[in-house]
């Protein structure tokens, strides 16, 4: 039971940070998204995000900070094997399924639901 509480608290704290960036810093959603992705990337660069995942499980893998972690983790792993070319291929190799799923499900949602934009 404690692993669920830990995941909830860590994931919730990441979301609280994002909400504070909206409310207190008055940042746009795009700026907040970039800050959270880059934060996850920086934490992985220092080797701190994997221990957070080990500690919090889904609380650290579900928020957008995990995407930054995945980009950096893939790039660093492939850079060790293939050098500079591995930096580019590693990022896309690790995250391509998530990006593809987001595009596919976004397209399906656009087909199924009516936009509330200007008519």
PDB file of N, CA and C in Angstrom:
ATOM      1  N   UNK A   1       0.817  -1.196   0.000  1.00  0.00           N
ATOM      2  CA  UNK A   1       0.000   0.000   0.000  1.00  0.00           C
ATOM      3  C   UNK A   1       0.863   1.263   0.000  1.00  0.00           C
ATOM      4  N   UNK A   2       2.018   1.207   0.640  1.00  0.00           N
ATOM      5  CA  UNK A   2       2.856   2.400   0.723  1.00  0.00           C
ATOM      6  C   UNK A   2       3.416   2.808  -0.637  1.00  0.00           C
ATOM      7  N   UNK A   3       3.574   1.845  -1.569  1.00  0.00           N
ATOM      8  CA  UNK A   3       4.086   2.211  -2.890  1.00  0.00           C
ATOM      9  C   UNK A   3       3.069   3.069  -3.645  1.00  0.00           C
ATOM     10  N   UNK A   4       1.776   2.836  -3.405  1.00  0.00           N
ATOM     11  CA  UNK A   4       0.749   3.657  -4.042  1.00  0.00           C
ATOM     12  C   UNK A   4       0.761   5.071  -3.480  1.00  0.00           C
ATOM     13  N   UNK A   5       0.943   5.170  -2.188  1.00  0.00           N
ATOM     14  CA  UNK A   5       0.996   6.484  -1.541  1.00  0.00           C
ATOM     15  C   UNK A   5       2.228   7.249  -2.018  1.00  0.00           C
ATOM     16  N   UNK A   6       3.368   6.552  -2.100  1.00  0.00           N
ATOM     17  CA  UNK A   6       4.595   7.197  -2.571  1.00  0.00           C
ATOM     18  C   UNK A   6       4.432   7.693  -4.002  1.00  0.00           C
ATOM     19  N   UNK A   7       3.869   6.860  -4.865  1.00  0.00           N
ATOM     20  CA  UNK A   7       3.647   7.270  -6.251  1.00  0.00           C
ATOM     21  C   UNK A   7       2.709   8.470  -6.318  1.00  0.00           C
ATOM     22  N   UNK A   8       1.653   8.443  -5.526  1.00  0.00           N
ATOM     23  CA  UNK A   8       0.691   9.541  -5.501  1.00  0.00           C
ATOM     24  C   UNK A   8       1.342  10.837  -5.041  1.00  0.00           C
ATOM     25  N   UNK A   9       2.140  10.769  -3.990  1.00  0.00           N
ATOM     26  CA  UNK A   9       2.766  11.973  -3.436  1.00  0.00           C
ATOM     27  C   UNK A   9       3.798  12.549  -4.408  1.00  0.00           C
ATOM     28  N   UNK A  10       4.665  11.698  -4.963  1.00  0.00           N
ATOM     29  CA  UNK A  10       5.700  12.197  -5.885  1.00  0.00           C
ATOM     30  C   UNK A  10       5.058  12.748  -7.160  1.00  0.00           C
ATOM     31  N   UNK A  11       4.132  11.994  -7.751  1.00  0.00           N
ATOM     32  CA  UNK A  11       3.439  12.491  -8.944  1.00  0.00           C
ATOM     33  C   UNK A  11       2.678  13.771  -8.654  1.00  0.00           C
ATOM     34  N   UNK A  12       2.047  13.822  -7.475  1.00  0.00           N
ATOM     35  CA  UNK A  12       1.326  15.030  -7.084  1.00  0.00           C
ATOM     36  C   UNK A  12       2.240  16.223  -6.899  1.00  0.00           C
ATOM     37  N   UNK A  13       3.425  16.000  -6.337  1.00  0.00           N
ATOM     38  CA  UNK A  13       4.377  17.111  -6.168  1.00  0.00           C
ATOM     39  C   UNK A  13       4.852  17.647  -7.518  1.00  0.00           C
ATOM     40  N   UNK A  14       5.061  16.756  -8.481  1.00  0.00           N
ATOM     41  CA  UNK A  14       5.443  17.208  -9.825  1.00  0.00           C
ATOM     42  C   UNK A  14       4.316  18.049 -10.422  1.00  0.00           C
ATOM     43  N   UNK A  15       3.083  17.609 -10.227  1.00  0.00           N
ATOM     44  CA  UNK A  15       1.938  18.381 -10.726  1.00  0.00           C
ATOM     45  C   UNK A  15       1.787  19.708  -9.995  1.00  0.00           C
ATOM     46  N   UNK A  16       2.062  19.726  -8.692  1.00  0.00           N
ATOM     47  CA  UNK A  16       2.008  20.975  -7.923  1.00  0.00           C
ATOM     48  C   UNK A  16       3.034  21.970  -8.453  1.00  0.00           C
ATOM     49  N   UNK A  17       4.220  21.478  -8.787  1.00  0.00           N
ATOM     50  CA  UNK A  17       5.251  22.361  -9.359  1.00  0.00           C
ATOM     51  C   UNK A  17       4.739  22.968 -10.660  1.00  0.00           C
ATOM     52  N   UNK A  18       4.136  22.140 -11.502  1.00  0.00           N
ATOM     53  CA  UNK A  18       3.570  22.654 -12.752  1.00  0.00           C
ATOM     54  C   UNK A  18       2.479  23.678 -12.509  1.00  0.00           C
ATOM     55  N   UNK A  19       1.607  23.406 -11.549  1.00  0.00           N
ATOM     56  CA  UNK A  19       0.524  24.344 -11.242  1.00  0.00           C
ATOM     57  C   UNK A  19       1.062  25.653 -10.680  1.00  0.00           C
ATOM     58  N   UNK A  20       2.107  25.581  -9.863  1.00  0.00           N
ATOM     59  CA  UNK A  20       2.718  26.809  -9.341  1.00  0.00           C
ATOM     60  C   UNK A  20       3.348  27.633 -10.462  1.00  0.00           C
ATOM     61  N   UNK A  21       3.905  26.954 -11.446  1.00  0.00           N
ATOM     62  CA  UNK A  21       4.460  27.686 -12.591  1.00  0.00           C
ATOM     63  C   UNK A  21       3.360  28.426 -13.344  1.00  0.00           C
ATOM     64  N   UNK A  22       2.173  27.816 -13.421  1.00  0.00           N
ATOM     65  CA  UNK A  22       1.023  28.498 -14.040  1.00  0.00           C
ATOM     66  C   UNK A  22       0.556  29.677 -13.198  1.00  0.00           C
ATOM     67  N   UNK A  23       0.282  29.409 -11.918  1.00  0.00           N
ATOM     68  CA  UNK A  23      -0.398  30.384 -11.077  1.00  0.00           C
ATOM     69  C   UNK A  23       0.515  31.473 -10.523  1.00  0.00           C
ATOM     70  N   UNK A  24       1.676  31.096 -10.022  1.00  0.00           N
ATOM     71  CA  UNK A  24       2.560  32.062  -9.373  1.00  0.00           C
ATOM     72  C   UNK A  24       3.468  32.753 -10.386  1.00  0.00           C
ATOM     73  N   UNK A  25       4.110  31.950 -11.245  1.00  0.00           N
ATOM     74  CA  UNK A  25       5.040  32.533 -12.210  1.00  0.00           C
ATOM     75  C   UNK A  25       4.326  33.069 -13.448  1.00  0.00           C
ATOM     76  N   UNK A  26       3.032  32.759 -13.585  1.00  0.00           N
ATOM     77  CA  UNK A  26       2.214  33.217 -14.716  1.00  0.00           C
ATOM     78  C   UNK A  26       2.805  32.780 -16.062  1.00  0.00           C
ATOM     79  N   UNK A  27       3.342  31.558 -16.095  1.00  0.00           N
ATOM     80  CA  UNK A  27       3.896  31.032 -17.339  1.00  0.00           C
ATOM     81  C   UNK A  27       2.795  30.404 -18.178  1.00  0.00           C
ATOM     82  N   UNK A  28       3.000  30.369 -19.480  1.00  0.00           N
ATOM     83  CA  UNK A  28       2.049  29.740 -20.386  1.00  0.00           C
ATOM     84  C   UNK A  28       2.186  28.219 -20.279  1.00  0.00           C
ATOM     85  N   UNK A  29       1.186  27.485 -20.756  1.00  0.00           N
ATOM     86  CA  UNK A  29       1.313  26.024 -20.760  1.00  0.00           C
ATOM     87  C   UNK A  29       2.543  25.536 -21.525  1.00  0.00           C
ATOM     88  N   UNK A  30       2.884  26.197 -22.620  1.00  0.00           N
ATOM     89  CA  UNK A  30       4.057  25.792 -23.397  1.00  0.00           C
ATOM     90  C   UNK A  30       5.346  25.974 -22.610  1.00  0.00           C
ATOM     91  N   UNK A  31       5.460  27.095 -21.911  1.00  0.00           N
ATOM     92  CA  UNK A  31       6.649  27.332 -21.091  1.00  0.00           C
ATOM     93  C   UNK A  31       6.747  26.316 -19.947  1.00  0.00           C
ATOM     94  N   UNK A  32       5.610  26.053 -19.324  1.00  0.00           N
ATOM     95  CA  UNK A  32       5.587  25.093 -18.215  1.00  0.00           C
ATOM     96  C   UNK A  32       5.970  23.704 -18.707  1.00  0.00           C
ATOM     97  N   UNK A  33       5.418  23.305 -19.833  1.00  0.00           N
ATOM     98  CA  UNK A  33       5.751  22.008 -20.422  1.00  0.00           C
ATOM     99  C   UNK A  33       7.240  21.895 -20.692  1.00  0.00           C
ATOM    100  N   UNK A  34       7.806  22.915 -21.294  1.00  0.00           N
ATOM    101  CA  UNK A  34       9.243  22.900 -21.595  1.00  0.00           C
ATOM    102  C   UNK A  34      10.087  22.828 -20.330  1.00  0.00           C
ATOM    103  N   UNK A  35       9.710  23.580 -19.322  1.00  0.00           N
ATOM    104  CA  UNK A  35      10.464  23.558 -18.062  1.00  0.00           C
ATOM    105  C   UNK A  35      10.430  22.169 -17.437  1.00  0.00           C
ATOM    106  N   UNK A  36       9.277  21.520 -17.435  1.00  0.00           N
ATOM    107  CA  UNK A  36       9.164  20.200 -16.829  1.00  0.00           C
ATOM    108  C   UNK A  36       9.931  19.144 -17.632  1.00  0.00           C
ATOM    109  N   UNK A  37       9.861  19.210 -18.963  1.00  0.00           N
ATOM    110  CA  UNK A  37      10.606  18.253 -19.793  1.00  0.00           C
ATOM    111  C   UNK A  37      12.108  18.450 -19.605  1.00  0.00           C
ATOM    112  N   UNK A  38      12.564  19.694 -19.640  1.00  0.00           N
ATOM    113  CA  UNK A  38      13.988  19.973 -19.466  1.00  0.00           C
ATOM    114  C   UNK A  38      14.445  19.587 -18.054  1.00  0.00           C
ATOM    115  N   UNK A  39      13.587  19.784 -17.065  1.00  0.00           N
ATOM    116  CA  UNK A  39      13.936  19.381 -15.696  1.00  0.00           C
ATOM    117  C   UNK A  39      14.159  17.873 -15.613  1.00  0.00           C
ATOM    118  N   UNK A  40      13.272  17.104 -16.235  1.00  0.00           N
ATOM    119  CA  UNK A  40      13.449  15.656 -16.258  1.00  0.00           C
ATOM    120  C   UNK A  40      14.712  15.253 -16.986  1.00  0.00           C
ATOM    121  N   UNK A  41      15.026  15.978 -18.035  1.00  0.00           N
ATOM    122  CA  UNK A  41      16.243  15.713 -18.798  1.00  0.00           C
ATOM    123  C   UNK A  41      17.492  16.017 -17.975  1.00  0.00           C
ATOM    124  N   UNK A  42      17.478  17.132 -17.293  1.00  0.00           N
ATOM    125  CA  UNK A  42      18.628  17.511 -16.457  1.00  0.00           C
ATOM    126  C   UNK A  42      18.813  16.521 -15.311  1.00  0.00           C
ATOM    127  N   UNK A  43      17.711  16.144 -14.682  1.00  0.00           N
ATOM    128  CA  UNK A  43      17.797  15.164 -13.589  1.00  0.00           C
ATOM    129  C   UNK A  43      18.376  13.838 -14.082  1.00  0.00           C
ATOM    130  N   UNK A  44      17.991  13.419 -15.297  1.00  0.00           N
ATOM    131  CA  UNK A  44      18.562  12.189 -15.848  1.00  0.00           C
ATOM    132  C   UNK A  44      20.030  12.378 -16.187  1.00  0.00           C
ATOM    133  N   UNK A  45      20.396  13.546 -16.668  1.00  0.00           N
ATOM    134  CA  UNK A  45      21.798  13.817 -16.981  1.00  0.00           C
ATOM    135  C   UNK A  45      22.703  13.689 -15.769  1.00  0.00           C
ATOM    136  N   UNK A  46      22.188  14.062 -14.610  1.00  0.00           N
ATOM    137  CA  UNK A  46      22.951  13.918 -13.368  1.00  0.00           C
ATOM    138  C   UNK A  46      22.793  12.526 -12.748  1.00  0.00           C
ATOM    139  N   UNK A  47      21.940  11.702 -13.353  1.00  0.00           N
ATOM    140  CA  UNK A  47      21.722  10.354 -12.829  1.00  0.00           C
ATOM    141  C   UNK A  47      20.770  10.302 -11.649  1.00  0.00           C
ATOM    142  N   UNK A  48      19.916  11.306 -11.510  1.00  0.00           N
ATOM    143  CA  UNK A  48      19.020  11.390 -10.367  1.00  0.00           C
ATOM    144  C   UNK A  48      17.601  10.925 -10.674  1.00  0.00           C
ATOM    145  N   UNK A  49      17.240  10.820 -11.963  1.00  0.00           N
ATOM    146  CA  UNK A  49      15.848  10.473 -12.275  1.00  0.00           C
ATOM    147  C   UNK A  49      15.578   8.983 -12.114  1.00  0.00           C
ATOM    148  N   UNK A  50      16.536   8.135 -12.454  1.00  0.00           N
ATOM    149  CA  UNK A  50      16.334   6.688 -12.286  1.00  0.00           C
ATOM    150  C   UNK A  50      16.108   6.312 -10.822  1.00  0.00           C
ATOM    151  N   UNK A  51      16.879   6.868  -9.874  1.00  0.00           N
ATOM    152  CA  UNK A  51      16.561   6.580  -8.470  1.00  0.00           C
ATOM    153  C   UNK A  51      15.169   7.089  -8.067  1.00  0.00           C
ATOM    154  N   UNK A  52      14.724   8.191  -8.658  1.00  0.00           N
ATOM    155  CA  UNK A  52      13.376   8.694  -8.384  1.00  0.00           C
ATOM    156  C   UNK A  52      12.334   7.705  -8.905  1.00  0.00           C
ATOM    157  N   UNK A  53      12.572   7.137 -10.086  1.00  0.00           N
ATOM    158  CA  UNK A  53      11.661   6.124 -10.626  1.00  0.00           C
ATOM    159  C   UNK A  53      11.657   4.887  -9.738  1.00  0.00           C
ATOM    160  N   UNK A  54      12.831   4.469  -9.282  1.00  0.00           N
ATOM    161  CA  UNK A  54      12.906   3.315  -8.387  1.00  0.00           C
ATOM    162  C   UNK A  54      12.137   3.565  -7.088  1.00  0.00           C
ATOM    163  N   UNK A  55      12.175   4.805  -6.610  1.00  0.00           N
ATOM    164  CA  UNK A  55      11.503   5.159  -5.365  1.00  0.00           C
ATOM    165  C   UNK A  55       9.997   5.334  -5.560  1.00  0.00           C
ATOM    166  N   UNK A  56       9.586   6.052  -6.625  1.00  0.00           N
ATOM    167  CA  UNK A  56       8.187   6.452  -6.776  1.00  0.00           C
ATOM    168  C   UNK A  56       7.420   5.673  -7.830  1.00  0.00           C
ATOM    169  N   UNK A  57       8.071   4.882  -8.644  1.00  0.00           N
ATOM    170  CA  UNK A  57       7.364   4.109  -9.672  1.00  0.00           C
ATOM    171  C   UNK A  57       6.601   4.995 -10.631  1.00  0.00           C
ATOM    172  N   UNK A  58       5.298   4.729 -10.757  1.00  0.00           N
ATOM    173  CA  UNK A  58       4.458   5.476 -11.693  1.00  0.00           C
ATOM    174  C   UNK A  58       4.366   6.958 -11.339  1.00  0.00           C
ATOM    175  N   UNK A  59       4.615   7.312 -10.103  1.00  0.00           N
ATOM    176  CA  UNK A  59       4.597   8.716  -9.714  1.00  0.00           C
ATOM    177  C   UNK A  59       5.676   9.518 -10.413  1.00  0.00           C
ATOM    178  N   UNK A  60       6.718   8.828 -10.884  1.00  0.00           N
ATOM    179  CA  UNK A  60       7.795   9.507 -11.612  1.00  0.00           C
ATOM    180  C   UNK A  60       7.773   9.194 -13.102  1.00  0.00           C
ATOM    181  N   UNK A  61       7.114   8.102 -13.505  1.00  0.00           N
ATOM    182  CA  UNK A  61       7.114   7.758 -14.929  1.00  0.00           C
ATOM    183  C   UNK A  61       5.921   8.314 -15.691  1.00  0.00           C
ATOM    184  N   UNK A  62       4.850   8.662 -15.021  1.00  0.00           N
ATOM    185  CA  UNK A  62       3.659   9.172 -15.706  1.00  0.00           C
ATOM    186  C   UNK A  62       3.771  10.669 -16.051  1.00  0.00           C
ATOM    187  N   UNK A  63       4.252  11.546 -15.159  1.00  0.00           N
ATOM    188  CA  UNK A  63       4.305  12.975 -15.495  1.00  0.00           C
ATOM    189  C   UNK A  63       5.233  13.268 -16.673  1.00  0.00           C
ATOM    190  N   UNK A  64       5.093  14.436 -17.243  1.00  0.00           N
ATOM    191  CA  UNK A  64       5.835  14.832 -18.442  1.00  0.00           C
ATOM    192  C   UNK A  64       7.341  14.900 -18.199  1.00  0.00           C
ATOM    193  N   UNK A  65       7.762  15.012 -16.964  1.00  0.00           N
ATOM    194  CA  UNK A  65       9.196  15.016 -16.676  1.00  0.00           C
ATOM    195  C   UNK A  65       9.847  13.713 -17.129  1.00  0.00           C
ATOM    196  N   UNK A  66       9.084  12.649 -17.148  1.00  0.00           N
ATOM    197  CA  UNK A  66       9.598  11.358 -17.594  1.00  0.00           C
ATOM    198  C   UNK A  66       9.947  11.368 -19.073  1.00  0.00           C
ATOM    199  N   UNK A  67       9.268  12.203 -19.868  1.00  0.00           N
ATOM    200  CA  UNK A  67       9.592  12.306 -21.288  1.00  0.00           C
ATOM    201  C   UNK A  67      10.990  12.888 -21.473  1.00  0.00           C
ATOM    202  N   UNK A  68      11.325  13.904 -20.699  1.00  0.00           N
ATOM    203  CA  UNK A  68      12.678  14.462 -20.740  1.00  0.00           C
ATOM    204  C   UNK A  68      13.705  13.440 -20.306  1.00  0.00           C
ATOM    205  N   UNK A  69      13.359  12.669 -19.286  1.00  0.00           N
ATOM    206  CA  UNK A  69      14.224  11.594 -18.829  1.00  0.00           C
ATOM    207  C   UNK A  69      14.457  10.584 -19.952  1.00  0.00           C
ATOM    208  N   UNK A  70      13.393  10.178 -20.638  1.00  0.00           N
ATOM    209  CA  UNK A  70      13.512   9.190 -21.720  1.00  0.00           C
ATOM    210  C   UNK A  70      14.362   9.721 -22.872  1.00  0.00           C
ATOM    211  N   UNK A  71      14.178  10.982 -23.226  1.00  0.00           N
ATOM    212  CA  UNK A  71      14.981  11.573 -24.308  1.00  0.00           C
ATOM    213  C   UNK A  71      16.464  11.539 -23.966  1.00  0.00           C
ATOM    214  N   UNK A  72      16.806  12.000 -22.790  1.00  0.00           N
ATOM    215  CA  UNK A  72      18.209  12.053 -22.387  1.00  0.00           C
ATOM    216  C   UNK A  72      18.783  10.664 -22.178  1.00  0.00           C
ATOM    217  N   UNK A  73      18.006   9.796 -21.560  1.00  0.00           N
ATOM    218  CA  UNK A  73      18.471   8.434 -21.298  1.00  0.00           C
ATOM    219  C   UNK A  73      18.787   7.713 -22.607  1.00  0.00           C
ATOM    220  N   UNK A  74      17.893   7.821 -23.575  1.00  0.00           N
ATOM    221  CA  UNK A  74      18.120   7.189 -24.876  1.00  0.00           C
ATOM    222  C   UNK A  74      19.301   7.789 -25.615  1.00  0.00           C
ATOM    223  N   UNK A  75      19.407   9.100 -25.567  1.00  0.00           N
ATOM    224  CA  UNK A  75      20.511   9.770 -26.253  1.00  0.00           C
ATOM    225  C   UNK A  75      21.859   9.390 -25.658  1.00  0.00           C
ATOM    226  N   UNK A  76      21.940   9.339 -24.348  1.00  0.00           N
ATOM    227  CA  UNK A  76      23.210   9.010 -23.699  1.00  0.00           C
ATOM    228  C   UNK A  76      23.594   7.553 -23.928  1.00  0.00           C
ATOM    229  N   UNK A  77      22.604   6.663 -23.896  1.00  0.00           N
ATOM    230  CA  UNK A  77      22.893   5.245 -24.102  1.00  0.00           C
ATOM    231  C   UNK A  77      23.397   4.991 -25.520  1.00  0.00           C
ATOM    232  N   UNK A  78      22.765   5.589 -26.502  1.00  0.00           N
ATOM    233  CA  UNK A  78      23.180   5.395 -27.893  1.00  0.00           C
ATOM    234  C   UNK A  78      24.462   6.153 -28.218  1.00  0.00           C
ATOM    235  N   UNK A  79      24.706   7.269 -27.548  1.00  0.00           N
ATOM    236  CA  UNK A  79      25.946   8.015 -27.775  1.00  0.00           C
ATOM    237  C   UNK A  79      27.154   7.195 -27.346  1.00  0.00           C
ATOM    238  N   UNK A  80      27.000   6.407 -26.290  1.00  0.00           N
ATOM    239  CA  UNK A  80      28.101   5.538 -25.863  1.00  0.00           C
ATOM    240  C   UNK A  80      28.417   4.479 -26.910  1.00  0.00           C
ATOM    241  N   UNK A  81      27.385   4.008 -27.618  1.00  0.00           N
ATOM    242  CA  UNK A  81      27.573   2.963 -28.625  1.00  0.00           C
ATOM    243  C   UNK A  81      28.011   3.515 -29.978  1.00  0.00           C
ATOM    244  N   UNK A  82      27.358   4.619 -30.424  1.00  0.00           N
ATOM    245  CA  UNK A  82      27.528   5.081 -31.799  1.00  0.00           C
ATOM    246  C   UNK A  82      28.053   6.504 -31.929  1.00  0.00           C
ATOM    247  N   UNK A  83      28.427   7.135 -30.859  1.00  0.00           N
ATOM    248  CA  UNK A  83      28.964   8.494 -30.929  1.00  0.00           C
ATOM    249  C   UNK A  83      27.888   9.532 -31.167  1.00  0.00           C
ATOM    250  N   UNK A  84      28.229  10.569 -31.896  1.00  0.00           N
ATOM    251  CA  UNK A  84      27.341  11.708 -32.113  1.00  0.00           C
ATOM    252  C   UNK A  84      26.047  11.317 -32.822  1.00  0.00           C
ATOM    253  N   UNK A  85      26.121  10.403 -33.769  1.00  0.00           N
ATOM    254  CA  UNK A  85      24.913   9.956 -34.471  1.00  0.00           C
ATOM    255  C   UNK A  85      23.953   9.282 -33.490  1.00  0.00           C
ATOM    256  N   UNK A  86      24.498   8.584 -32.515  1.00  0.00           N
ATOM    257  CA  UNK A  86      23.675   7.918 -31.512  1.00  0.00           C
ATOM    258  C   UNK A  86      22.858   8.866 -30.670  1.00  0.00           C
ATOM    259  N   UNK A  87      23.318  10.097 -30.513  1.00  0.00           N
ATOM    260  CA  UNK A  87      22.563  11.086 -29.739  1.00  0.00           C
ATOM    261  C   UNK A  87      21.203  11.315 -30.389  1.00  0.00           C
ATOM    262  N   UNK A  88      21.190  11.495 -31.693  1.00  0.00           N
ATOM    263  CA  UNK A  88      19.933  11.746 -32.398  1.00  0.00           C
ATOM    264  C   UNK A  88      19.079  10.499 -32.498  1.00  0.00           C
ATOM    265  N   UNK A  89      19.686   9.387 -32.874  1.00  0.00           N
ATOM    266  CA  UNK A  89      18.895   8.170 -33.045  1.00  0.00           C
ATOM    267  C   UNK A  89      18.388   7.639 -31.712  1.00  0.00           C
ATOM    268  N   UNK A  90      19.147   7.804 -30.655  1.00  0.00           N
ATOM    269  CA  UNK A  90      18.741   7.311 -29.339  1.00  0.00           C
ATOM    270  C   UNK A  90      17.510   7.996 -28.804  1.00  0.00           C
ATOM    271  N   UNK A  91      17.411   9.309 -29.016  1.00  0.00           N
ATOM    272  CA  UNK A  91      16.239  10.047 -28.547  1.00  0.00           C
ATOM    273  C   UNK A  91      14.975   9.523 -29.206  1.00  0.00           C
ATOM    274  N   UNK A  92      15.041   9.324 -30.511  1.00  0.00           N
ATOM    275  CA  UNK A  92      13.848   8.914 -31.242  1.00  0.00           C
ATOM    276  C   UNK A  92      13.535   7.436 -31.058  1.00  0.00           C
ATOM    277  N   UNK A  93      14.555   6.629 -30.867  1.00  0.00           N
ATOM    278  CA  UNK A  93      14.336   5.199 -30.670  1.00  0.00           C
ATOM    279  C   UNK A  93      13.540   4.935 -29.402  1.00  0.00           C
ATOM    280  N   UNK A  94      13.863   5.645 -28.339  1.00  0.00           N
ATOM    281  CA  UNK A  94      13.215   5.411 -27.051  1.00  0.00           C
ATOM    282  C   UNK A  94      11.817   6.015 -27.004  1.00  0.00           C
ATOM    283  N   UNK A  95      11.600   7.151 -27.638  1.00  0.00           N
ATOM    284  CA  UNK A  95      10.340   7.872 -27.488  1.00  0.00           C
ATOM    285  C   UNK A  95       9.391   7.736 -28.680  1.00  0.00           C
ATOM    286  N   UNK A  96       9.807   7.046 -29.730  1.00  0.00           N
ATOM    287  CA  UNK A  96       8.992   7.007 -30.944  1.00  0.00           C
ATOM    288  C   UNK A  96       7.627   6.369 -30.729  1.00  0.00           C
ATOM    289  N   UNK A  97       7.532   5.347 -29.912  1.00  0.00           N
ATOM    290  CA  UNK A  97       6.228   4.706 -29.709  1.00  0.00           C
ATOM    291  C   UNK A  97       5.262   5.645 -28.984  1.00  0.00           C
ATOM    292  N   UNK A  98       5.749   6.383 -28.005  1.00  0.00           N
ATOM    293  CA  UNK A  98       4.888   7.333 -27.301  1.00  0.00           C
ATOM    294  C   UNK A  98       4.431   8.475 -28.190  1.00  0.00           C
ATOM    295  N   UNK A  99       5.333   8.983 -29.003  1.00  0.00           N
ATOM    296  CA  UNK A  99       4.981  10.068 -29.918  1.00  0.00           C
ATOM    297  C   UNK A  99       3.981   9.572 -30.957  1.00  0.00           C
ATOM    298  N   UNK A 100       4.215   8.376 -31.491  1.00  0.00           N
ATOM    299  CA  UNK A 100       3.302   7.802 -32.482  1.00  0.00           C
ATOM    300  C   UNK A 100       1.916   7.584 -31.890  1.00  0.00           C
ATOM    301  N   UNK A 101       1.860   7.080 -30.667  1.00  0.00           N
ATOM    302  CA  UNK A 101       0.564   6.867 -30.008  1.00  0.00           C
ATOM    303  C   UNK A 101      -0.161   8.193 -29.796  1.00  0.00           C
ATOM    304  N   UNK A 102       0.563   9.235 -29.399  1.00  0.00           N
ATOM    305  CA  UNK A 102      -0.066  10.542 -29.180  1.00  0.00           C
ATOM    306  C   UNK A 102      -0.657  11.082 -30.478  1.00  0.00           C
ATOM    307  N   UNK A 103       0.065  10.933 -31.581  1.00  0.00           N
ATOM    308  CA  UNK A 103      -0.436  11.398 -32.875  1.00  0.00           C
ATOM    309  C   UNK A 103      -1.669  10.599 -33.290  1.00  0.00           C
ATOM    310  N   UNK A 104      -1.584   9.277 -33.176  1.00  0.00           N
ATOM    311  CA  UNK A 104      -2.696   8.417 -33.579  1.00  0.00           C
ATOM    312  C   UNK A 104      -3.949   8.689 -32.749  1.00  0.00           C
ATOM    313  N   UNK A 105      -3.815   8.724 -31.426  1.00  0.00           N
ATOM    314  CA  UNK A 105      -4.989   8.946 -30.584  1.00  0.00           C
ATOM    315  C   UNK A 105      -5.519  10.372 -30.708  1.00  0.00           C
ATOM    316  N   UNK A 106      -4.653  11.335 -30.960  1.00  0.00           N
ATOM    317  CA  UNK A 106      -5.109  12.694 -31.220  1.00  0.00           C
ATOM    318  C   UNK A 106      -5.925  12.772 -32.494  1.00  0.00           C
ATOM    319  N   UNK A 107      -5.481  12.052 -33.520  1.00  0.00           N
ATOM    320  CA  UNK A 107      -6.221  12.014 -34.788  1.00  0.00           C
ATOM    321  C   UNK A 107      -7.582  11.352 -34.601  1.00  0.00           C
ATOM    322  N   UNK A 108      -7.611  10.240 -33.875  1.00  0.00           N
ATOM    323  CA  UNK A 108      -8.879   9.545 -33.623  1.00  0.00           C
ATOM    324  C   UNK A 108      -9.837  10.442 -32.835  1.00  0.00           C
ATOM    325  N   UNK A 109      -9.316  11.130 -31.821  1.00  0.00           N
ATOM    326  CA  UNK A 109     -10.152  12.040 -31.033  1.00  0.00           C
ATOM    327  C   UNK A 109     -10.690  13.173 -31.901  1.00  0.00           C
ATOM    328  N   UNK A 110      -9.879  13.669 -32.840  1.00  0.00           N
ATOM    329  CA  UNK A 110     -10.326  14.741 -33.725  1.00  0.00           C
ATOM    330  C   UNK A 110     -11.447  14.262 -34.645  1.00  0.00           C
ATOM    331  N   UNK A 111     -11.403  12.994 -35.034  1.00  0.00           N
ATOM    332  CA  UNK A 111     -12.464  12.450 -35.874  1.00  0.00           C
ATOM    333  C   UNK A 111     -13.762  12.221 -35.103  1.00  0.00           C
ATOM    334  N   UNK A 112     -13.642  11.832 -33.846  1.00  0.00           N
ATOM    335  CA  UNK A 112     -14.819  11.458 -33.060  1.00  0.00           C
ATOM    336  C   UNK A 112     -15.540  12.636 -32.403  1.00  0.00           C
ATOM    337  N   UNK A 113     -14.813  13.688 -32.082  1.00  0.00           N
ATOM    338  CA  UNK A 113     -15.405  14.781 -31.318  1.00  0.00           C
ATOM    339  C   UNK A 113     -15.378  16.074 -32.119  1.00  0.00           C
ATOM    340  N   UNK A 114     -16.424  16.876 -31.917  1.00  0.00           N
ATOM    341  CA  UNK A 114     -16.554  18.154 -32.617  1.00  0.00           C
ATOM    342  C   UNK A 114     -15.765  19.228 -31.879  1.00  0.00           C
ATOM    343  N   UNK A 115     -15.014  20.004 -32.607  1.00  0.00           N
ATOM    344  CA  UNK A 115     -14.244  21.097 -32.021  1.00  0.00           C
ATOM    345  C   UNK A 115     -15.181  22.207 -31.557  1.00  0.00           C
ATOM    346  N   UNK A 116     -14.797  22.882 -30.483  1.00  0.00           N
ATOM    347  CA  UNK A 116     -15.592  23.996 -29.979  1.00  0.00           C
ATOM    348  C   UNK A 116     -15.019  25.333 -30.458  1.00  0.00           C
ATOM    349  N   UNK A 117     -14.232  25.300 -31.506  1.00  0.00           N
ATOM    350  CA  UNK A 117     -13.632  26.510 -32.046  1.00  0.00           C
ATOM    351  C   UNK A 117     -14.651  27.383 -32.760  1.00  0.00           C
ATOM    352  N   UNK A 118     -14.164  28.421 -33.386  1.00  0.00           N
ATOM    353  CA  UNK A 118     -15.043  29.342 -34.116  1.00  0.00           C
ATOM    354  C   UNK A 118     -15.663  28.636 -35.317  1.00  0.00           C
ATOM    355  N   UNK A 119     -16.917  28.932 -35.564  1.00  0.00           N
ATOM    356  CA  UNK A 119     -17.634  28.346 -36.717  1.00  0.00           C
ATOM    357  C   UNK A 119     -17.852  29.371 -37.783  1.00  0.00           C
TER     358      UNK A 119
END
